[in-house]
């Protein structure tokens, strides 16, 4: 298995650099099913880059995350939790992808609680 970095994902989906997009295509389209690791940390960074650099809206970011999750070459640790994180991110406003992950962990009893000064997050955790 090969781990995929954010810059590959961004070039593949945003296509703002033709040469790098073509290289990303080669990596992704030649990969066998579940042969590329798509790590949760990379998904968080991917979301941040789309928002901060490309000024994408939350619905646009969610669409791109869903594309990644539905692409067969990607293997995702705790896939069910990651899919729920994306749905929490999509449906809860305002909620960052990182807070969506914490909410998902709590909803699935993976943690007893979440310590945060974020009142909005704390309200969702109750």
N, C-alpha and C. Protein backbone atom coordinates (compact mmCIF):
# COMPACT_ATOMS: atom_id res chain seq x y z
N UNK A 1 0.85 -1.19 0.00
CA UNK A 1 0.00 0.00 0.00
C UNK A 1 0.89 1.24 0.00
N UNK A 2 0.41 2.27 -0.68
CA UNK A 2 1.13 3.54 -0.79
C UNK A 2 0.25 4.64 -0.22
N UNK A 3 0.80 5.44 0.67
CA UNK A 3 0.06 6.57 1.22
C UNK A 3 0.06 7.72 0.22
N UNK A 4 -1.08 8.39 0.12
CA UNK A 4 -1.23 9.50 -0.83
C UNK A 4 -1.24 10.82 -0.07
N UNK A 5 -0.45 11.76 -0.57
CA UNK A 5 -0.35 13.08 0.05
C UNK A 5 -1.43 14.02 -0.51
N UNK A 6 -1.71 15.04 0.25
CA UNK A 6 -2.73 16.03 -0.11
C UNK A 6 -2.48 16.64 -1.49
N UNK A 7 -1.23 16.92 -1.81
CA UNK A 7 -0.97 17.59 -3.09
C UNK A 7 -1.39 16.75 -4.29
N UNK A 8 -1.32 15.43 -4.18
CA UNK A 8 -1.80 14.56 -5.26
C UNK A 8 -3.32 14.68 -5.39
N UNK A 9 -4.00 14.64 -4.25
CA UNK A 9 -5.46 14.71 -4.26
C UNK A 9 -5.96 16.04 -4.81
N UNK A 10 -5.32 17.12 -4.38
CA UNK A 10 -5.72 18.45 -4.84
C UNK A 10 -5.52 18.57 -6.35
N UNK A 11 -4.38 18.15 -6.86
CA UNK A 11 -4.13 18.26 -8.30
C UNK A 11 -5.11 17.41 -9.08
N UNK A 12 -5.43 16.22 -8.56
CA UNK A 12 -6.34 15.31 -9.25
C UNK A 12 -7.74 15.91 -9.34
N UNK A 13 -8.21 16.55 -8.29
CA UNK A 13 -9.58 17.06 -8.28
C UNK A 13 -9.71 18.51 -8.72
N UNK A 14 -8.76 19.35 -8.36
CA UNK A 14 -8.85 20.78 -8.70
C UNK A 14 -8.35 21.04 -10.12
N UNK A 15 -7.32 20.32 -10.54
CA UNK A 15 -6.80 20.39 -11.90
C UNK A 15 -6.29 21.78 -12.27
N UNK A 16 -5.64 22.44 -11.32
CA UNK A 16 -5.15 23.79 -11.56
C UNK A 16 -3.76 23.82 -12.18
N UNK A 17 -3.14 22.67 -12.30
CA UNK A 17 -1.83 22.55 -12.94
C UNK A 17 -1.89 21.32 -13.83
N UNK A 18 -1.93 21.52 -15.12
CA UNK A 18 -2.14 20.42 -16.08
C UNK A 18 -1.11 19.31 -15.93
N UNK A 19 0.15 19.67 -15.81
CA UNK A 19 1.22 18.67 -15.71
C UNK A 19 1.06 17.83 -14.44
N UNK A 20 0.84 18.50 -13.31
CA UNK A 20 0.67 17.77 -12.05
C UNK A 20 -0.65 17.00 -12.01
N UNK A 21 -1.68 17.53 -12.63
CA UNK A 21 -2.96 16.80 -12.71
C UNK A 21 -2.78 15.51 -13.50
N UNK A 22 -2.03 15.58 -14.60
CA UNK A 22 -1.75 14.38 -15.39
C UNK A 22 -0.95 13.35 -14.59
N UNK A 23 0.01 13.83 -13.80
CA UNK A 23 0.79 12.91 -12.95
C UNK A 23 -0.09 12.29 -11.87
N UNK A 24 -0.97 13.09 -11.30
CA UNK A 24 -1.90 12.57 -10.29
C UNK A 24 -2.83 11.53 -10.92
N UNK A 25 -3.31 11.82 -12.13
CA UNK A 25 -4.14 10.86 -12.85
C UNK A 25 -3.42 9.52 -13.00
N UNK A 26 -2.16 9.58 -13.38
CA UNK A 26 -1.38 8.36 -13.58
C UNK A 26 -1.30 7.55 -12.29
N UNK A 27 -1.10 8.22 -11.19
CA UNK A 27 -1.01 7.52 -9.90
C UNK A 27 -2.36 6.90 -9.54
N UNK A 28 -3.42 7.67 -9.65
CA UNK A 28 -4.73 7.21 -9.19
C UNK A 28 -5.36 6.21 -10.15
N UNK A 29 -5.30 6.47 -11.44
CA UNK A 29 -5.96 5.58 -12.39
C UNK A 29 -5.22 4.27 -12.62
N UNK A 30 -3.93 4.22 -12.31
CA UNK A 30 -3.17 2.98 -12.43
C UNK A 30 -3.22 2.14 -11.16
N UNK A 31 -3.69 2.72 -10.09
CA UNK A 31 -3.72 2.02 -8.80
C UNK A 31 -4.79 0.94 -8.78
N UNK A 32 -4.46 -0.16 -8.14
CA UNK A 32 -5.42 -1.23 -7.95
C UNK A 32 -6.36 -0.86 -6.81
N UNK A 33 -7.46 -1.57 -6.72
CA UNK A 33 -8.45 -1.31 -5.67
C UNK A 33 -7.80 -1.39 -4.29
N UNK A 34 -8.10 -0.40 -3.48
CA UNK A 34 -7.63 -0.31 -2.09
C UNK A 34 -6.12 -0.32 -1.94
N UNK A 35 -5.40 0.12 -2.95
CA UNK A 35 -3.94 0.10 -2.88
C UNK A 35 -3.31 1.42 -2.44
N UNK A 36 -4.13 2.48 -2.36
CA UNK A 36 -3.62 3.78 -1.93
C UNK A 36 -4.27 4.15 -0.59
N UNK A 37 -3.43 4.42 0.39
CA UNK A 37 -3.94 4.80 1.71
C UNK A 37 -4.36 6.25 1.71
N UNK A 38 -5.60 6.48 2.08
CA UNK A 38 -6.14 7.83 2.24
C UNK A 38 -6.34 8.04 3.73
N UNK A 39 -5.39 8.70 4.36
CA UNK A 39 -5.39 8.85 5.80
C UNK A 39 -6.30 9.99 6.25
N UNK A 40 -6.88 9.86 7.45
CA UNK A 40 -7.77 10.90 7.99
C UNK A 40 -7.06 12.25 8.10
N UNK A 41 -5.81 12.24 8.48
CA UNK A 41 -5.06 13.49 8.59
C UNK A 41 -4.94 14.18 7.23
N UNK A 42 -4.74 13.41 6.21
CA UNK A 42 -4.66 13.95 4.85
C UNK A 42 -6.01 14.51 4.42
N UNK A 43 -7.09 13.85 4.80
CA UNK A 43 -8.43 14.38 4.48
C UNK A 43 -8.67 15.72 5.16
N UNK A 44 -8.20 15.84 6.40
CA UNK A 44 -8.34 17.12 7.11
C UNK A 44 -7.53 18.20 6.41
N UNK A 45 -6.30 17.87 6.03
CA UNK A 45 -5.47 18.86 5.33
C UNK A 45 -6.07 19.20 3.97
N UNK A 46 -6.59 18.21 3.28
CA UNK A 46 -7.24 18.42 1.99
C UNK A 46 -8.40 19.41 2.13
N UNK A 47 -9.21 19.20 3.15
CA UNK A 47 -10.34 20.11 3.40
C UNK A 47 -9.87 21.53 3.68
N UNK A 48 -8.82 21.64 4.49
CA UNK A 48 -8.27 22.94 4.83
C UNK A 48 -7.74 23.66 3.58
N UNK A 49 -7.03 22.95 2.75
CA UNK A 49 -6.47 23.55 1.53
C UNK A 49 -7.58 24.01 0.59
N UNK A 50 -8.61 23.18 0.43
CA UNK A 50 -9.72 23.59 -0.45
C UNK A 50 -10.40 24.85 0.07
N UNK A 51 -10.53 24.95 1.39
CA UNK A 51 -11.19 26.12 1.98
C UNK A 51 -10.29 27.35 1.95
N UNK A 52 -9.06 27.20 2.40
CA UNK A 52 -8.20 28.38 2.58
C UNK A 52 -7.52 28.84 1.30
N UNK A 53 -7.07 27.92 0.48
CA UNK A 53 -6.35 28.29 -0.73
C UNK A 53 -7.30 28.48 -1.92
N UNK A 54 -8.24 27.56 -2.07
CA UNK A 54 -9.13 27.58 -3.23
C UNK A 54 -10.48 28.24 -2.95
N UNK A 55 -10.69 28.67 -1.71
CA UNK A 55 -11.90 29.39 -1.31
C UNK A 55 -13.18 28.63 -1.65
N UNK A 56 -13.12 27.30 -1.53
CA UNK A 56 -14.30 26.49 -1.80
C UNK A 56 -15.27 26.59 -0.63
N UNK A 57 -16.53 26.46 -0.95
CA UNK A 57 -17.57 26.45 0.07
C UNK A 57 -17.64 25.06 0.70
N UNK A 58 -18.32 24.99 1.83
CA UNK A 58 -18.47 23.69 2.51
C UNK A 58 -19.13 22.65 1.58
N UNK A 59 -20.21 22.97 0.87
CA UNK A 59 -20.79 21.98 -0.05
C UNK A 59 -19.80 21.50 -1.13
N UNK A 60 -18.97 22.39 -1.62
CA UNK A 60 -17.96 21.99 -2.61
C UNK A 60 -16.92 21.07 -1.99
N UNK A 61 -16.51 21.38 -0.78
CA UNK A 61 -15.53 20.54 -0.08
C UNK A 61 -16.13 19.16 0.19
N UNK A 62 -17.37 19.14 0.65
CA UNK A 62 -18.05 17.86 0.93
C UNK A 62 -18.14 17.03 -0.35
N UNK A 63 -18.49 17.65 -1.46
CA UNK A 63 -18.55 16.93 -2.73
C UNK A 63 -17.21 16.29 -3.06
N UNK A 64 -16.14 17.05 -2.90
CA UNK A 64 -14.80 16.51 -3.18
C UNK A 64 -14.42 15.39 -2.22
N UNK A 65 -14.78 15.52 -0.95
CA UNK A 65 -14.52 14.44 0.00
C UNK A 65 -15.29 13.18 -0.38
N UNK A 66 -16.53 13.35 -0.79
CA UNK A 66 -17.34 12.20 -1.20
C UNK A 66 -16.77 11.52 -2.45
N UNK A 67 -16.22 12.32 -3.35
CA UNK A 67 -15.56 11.74 -4.53
C UNK A 67 -14.39 10.86 -4.08
N UNK A 68 -13.59 11.37 -3.17
CA UNK A 68 -12.45 10.59 -2.67
C UNK A 68 -12.93 9.29 -2.02
N UNK A 69 -13.96 9.39 -1.18
CA UNK A 69 -14.45 8.21 -0.47
C UNK A 69 -15.05 7.16 -1.41
N UNK A 70 -15.52 7.60 -2.56
CA UNK A 70 -16.15 6.66 -3.49
C UNK A 70 -15.19 6.11 -4.55
N UNK A 71 -13.93 6.52 -4.49
CA UNK A 71 -12.95 6.07 -5.47
C UNK A 71 -12.31 4.77 -4.98
N UNK A 72 -12.42 3.73 -5.78
CA UNK A 72 -12.07 2.38 -5.34
C UNK A 72 -10.59 2.16 -5.02
N UNK A 73 -9.71 2.97 -5.53
CA UNK A 73 -8.29 2.74 -5.28
C UNK A 73 -7.88 3.13 -3.86
N UNK A 74 -8.74 3.86 -3.16
CA UNK A 74 -8.37 4.33 -1.83
C UNK A 74 -8.80 3.37 -0.72
N UNK A 75 -7.86 3.11 0.17
CA UNK A 75 -8.12 2.36 1.38
C UNK A 75 -8.14 3.37 2.53
N UNK A 76 -9.16 3.27 3.37
CA UNK A 76 -9.32 4.24 4.45
C UNK A 76 -9.49 3.49 5.77
N UNK A 77 -8.59 3.75 6.70
CA UNK A 77 -8.69 3.15 8.02
C UNK A 77 -9.94 3.73 8.69
N UNK A 78 -10.73 2.86 9.31
CA UNK A 78 -11.98 3.28 9.96
C UNK A 78 -12.92 3.97 8.97
N UNK A 79 -13.09 3.37 7.81
CA UNK A 79 -13.89 3.96 6.73
C UNK A 79 -15.27 4.40 7.20
N UNK A 80 -15.96 3.57 7.97
CA UNK A 80 -17.31 3.91 8.41
C UNK A 80 -17.29 5.19 9.25
N UNK A 81 -16.31 5.31 10.13
CA UNK A 81 -16.20 6.53 10.94
C UNK A 81 -15.86 7.74 10.07
N UNK A 82 -15.00 7.55 9.10
CA UNK A 82 -14.63 8.66 8.20
C UNK A 82 -15.84 9.10 7.39
N UNK A 83 -16.62 8.15 6.90
CA UNK A 83 -17.83 8.51 6.15
C UNK A 83 -18.80 9.28 7.04
N UNK A 84 -18.93 8.87 8.29
CA UNK A 84 -19.80 9.58 9.23
C UNK A 84 -19.25 10.97 9.53
N UNK A 85 -17.93 11.09 9.62
CA UNK A 85 -17.30 12.40 9.83
C UNK A 85 -17.67 13.35 8.69
N UNK A 86 -17.60 12.87 7.47
CA UNK A 86 -17.95 13.71 6.32
C UNK A 86 -19.41 14.13 6.39
N UNK A 87 -20.28 13.23 6.78
CA UNK A 87 -21.70 13.58 6.90
C UNK A 87 -21.93 14.57 8.04
N UNK A 88 -21.24 14.38 9.17
CA UNK A 88 -21.34 15.36 10.26
C UNK A 88 -20.84 16.72 9.80
N UNK A 89 -19.75 16.74 9.08
CA UNK A 89 -19.19 17.97 8.55
C UNK A 89 -20.19 18.64 7.60
N UNK A 90 -20.82 17.84 6.77
CA UNK A 90 -21.78 18.37 5.79
C UNK A 90 -23.02 18.95 6.45
N UNK A 91 -23.48 18.30 7.51
CA UNK A 91 -24.78 18.64 8.09
C UNK A 91 -24.74 19.58 9.27
N UNK A 92 -23.59 19.79 9.87
CA UNK A 92 -23.49 20.64 11.05
C UNK A 92 -22.80 21.96 10.69
N UNK A 93 -23.48 23.06 10.93
CA UNK A 93 -22.91 24.37 10.62
C UNK A 93 -22.95 25.22 11.88
N UNK A 94 -21.92 25.90 12.24
CA UNK A 94 -20.55 25.75 11.72
C UNK A 94 -19.87 24.58 12.41
N UNK A 95 -19.12 23.83 11.68
CA UNK A 95 -18.36 22.72 12.24
C UNK A 95 -17.21 22.43 11.30
N UNK A 96 -16.00 22.46 11.84
CA UNK A 96 -14.82 22.15 11.03
C UNK A 96 -14.73 20.64 10.84
N UNK A 97 -13.92 20.23 9.91
CA UNK A 97 -13.72 18.80 9.67
C UNK A 97 -13.11 18.15 10.91
N UNK A 98 -12.24 18.88 11.60
CA UNK A 98 -11.60 18.34 12.80
C UNK A 98 -12.63 18.13 13.90
N UNK A 99 -13.52 19.11 14.10
CA UNK A 99 -14.57 18.96 15.10
C UNK A 99 -15.57 17.88 14.69
N UNK A 100 -15.80 17.73 13.40
CA UNK A 100 -16.67 16.66 12.92
C UNK A 100 -16.08 15.30 13.30
N UNK A 101 -14.76 15.18 13.26
CA UNK A 101 -14.10 13.93 13.66
C UNK A 101 -14.31 13.67 15.15
N UNK A 102 -14.13 14.71 15.97
CA UNK A 102 -14.34 14.55 17.41
C UNK A 102 -15.78 14.17 17.72
N UNK A 103 -16.72 14.81 17.05
CA UNK A 103 -18.13 14.49 17.23
C UNK A 103 -18.41 13.04 16.84
N UNK A 104 -17.83 12.60 15.74
CA UNK A 104 -18.00 11.23 15.28
C UNK A 104 -17.45 10.24 16.29
N UNK A 105 -16.28 10.52 16.85
CA UNK A 105 -15.71 9.64 17.86
C UNK A 105 -16.63 9.51 19.06
N UNK A 106 -17.18 10.62 19.51
CA UNK A 106 -18.08 10.61 20.66
C UNK A 106 -19.38 9.88 20.33
N UNK A 107 -19.94 10.12 19.16
CA UNK A 107 -21.19 9.47 18.76
C UNK A 107 -21.04 7.95 18.70
N UNK A 108 -19.84 7.49 18.42
CA UNK A 108 -19.59 6.06 18.29
C UNK A 108 -18.92 5.45 19.53
N UNK A 109 -18.96 6.21 20.62
CA UNK A 109 -18.40 5.75 21.90
C UNK A 109 -16.94 5.32 21.80
N UNK A 110 -16.20 5.98 20.92
CA UNK A 110 -14.76 5.73 20.82
C UNK A 110 -14.00 6.52 21.87
N UNK A 111 -14.65 7.56 22.40
CA UNK A 111 -14.11 8.37 23.49
C UNK A 111 -15.24 8.60 24.49
N UNK A 112 -14.86 8.78 25.76
CA UNK A 112 -15.87 9.03 26.79
C UNK A 112 -16.40 10.45 26.72
N UNK A 113 -15.58 11.35 26.24
CA UNK A 113 -15.97 12.75 26.13
C UNK A 113 -14.96 13.50 25.29
N UNK A 114 -15.24 14.77 25.09
CA UNK A 114 -14.33 15.63 24.33
C UNK A 114 -14.10 16.89 25.15
N UNK A 115 -12.85 17.20 25.42
CA UNK A 115 -12.50 18.42 26.13
C UNK A 115 -12.24 19.50 25.09
N UNK A 116 -13.03 20.56 25.15
CA UNK A 116 -12.89 21.64 24.18
C UNK A 116 -13.48 22.91 24.76
N UNK A 117 -12.90 24.05 24.39
CA UNK A 117 -13.47 25.34 24.75
C UNK A 117 -14.50 25.80 23.72
N UNK A 118 -14.65 25.05 22.64
CA UNK A 118 -15.58 25.38 21.56
C UNK A 118 -17.00 25.08 22.03
N UNK A 119 -17.75 26.13 22.35
CA UNK A 119 -19.11 25.96 22.87
C UNK A 119 -20.04 25.32 21.84
N UNK A 120 -19.85 25.66 20.59
CA UNK A 120 -20.68 25.09 19.53
C UNK A 120 -20.49 23.57 19.47
N UNK A 121 -19.26 23.12 19.55
CA UNK A 121 -18.97 21.69 19.56
C UNK A 121 -19.54 21.04 20.81
N UNK A 122 -19.36 21.67 21.95
CA UNK A 122 -19.87 21.10 23.20
C UNK A 122 -21.38 20.92 23.15
N UNK A 123 -22.09 21.84 22.53
CA UNK A 123 -23.56 21.73 22.42
C UNK A 123 -23.94 20.50 21.59
N UNK A 124 -23.20 20.23 20.54
CA UNK A 124 -23.49 19.09 19.68
C UNK A 124 -23.16 17.76 20.38
N UNK A 125 -22.23 17.80 21.33
CA UNK A 125 -21.81 16.59 22.02
C UNK A 125 -22.81 16.15 23.07
N UNK A 126 -23.69 17.03 23.48
CA UNK A 126 -24.64 16.68 24.55
C UNK A 126 -25.81 15.88 24.05
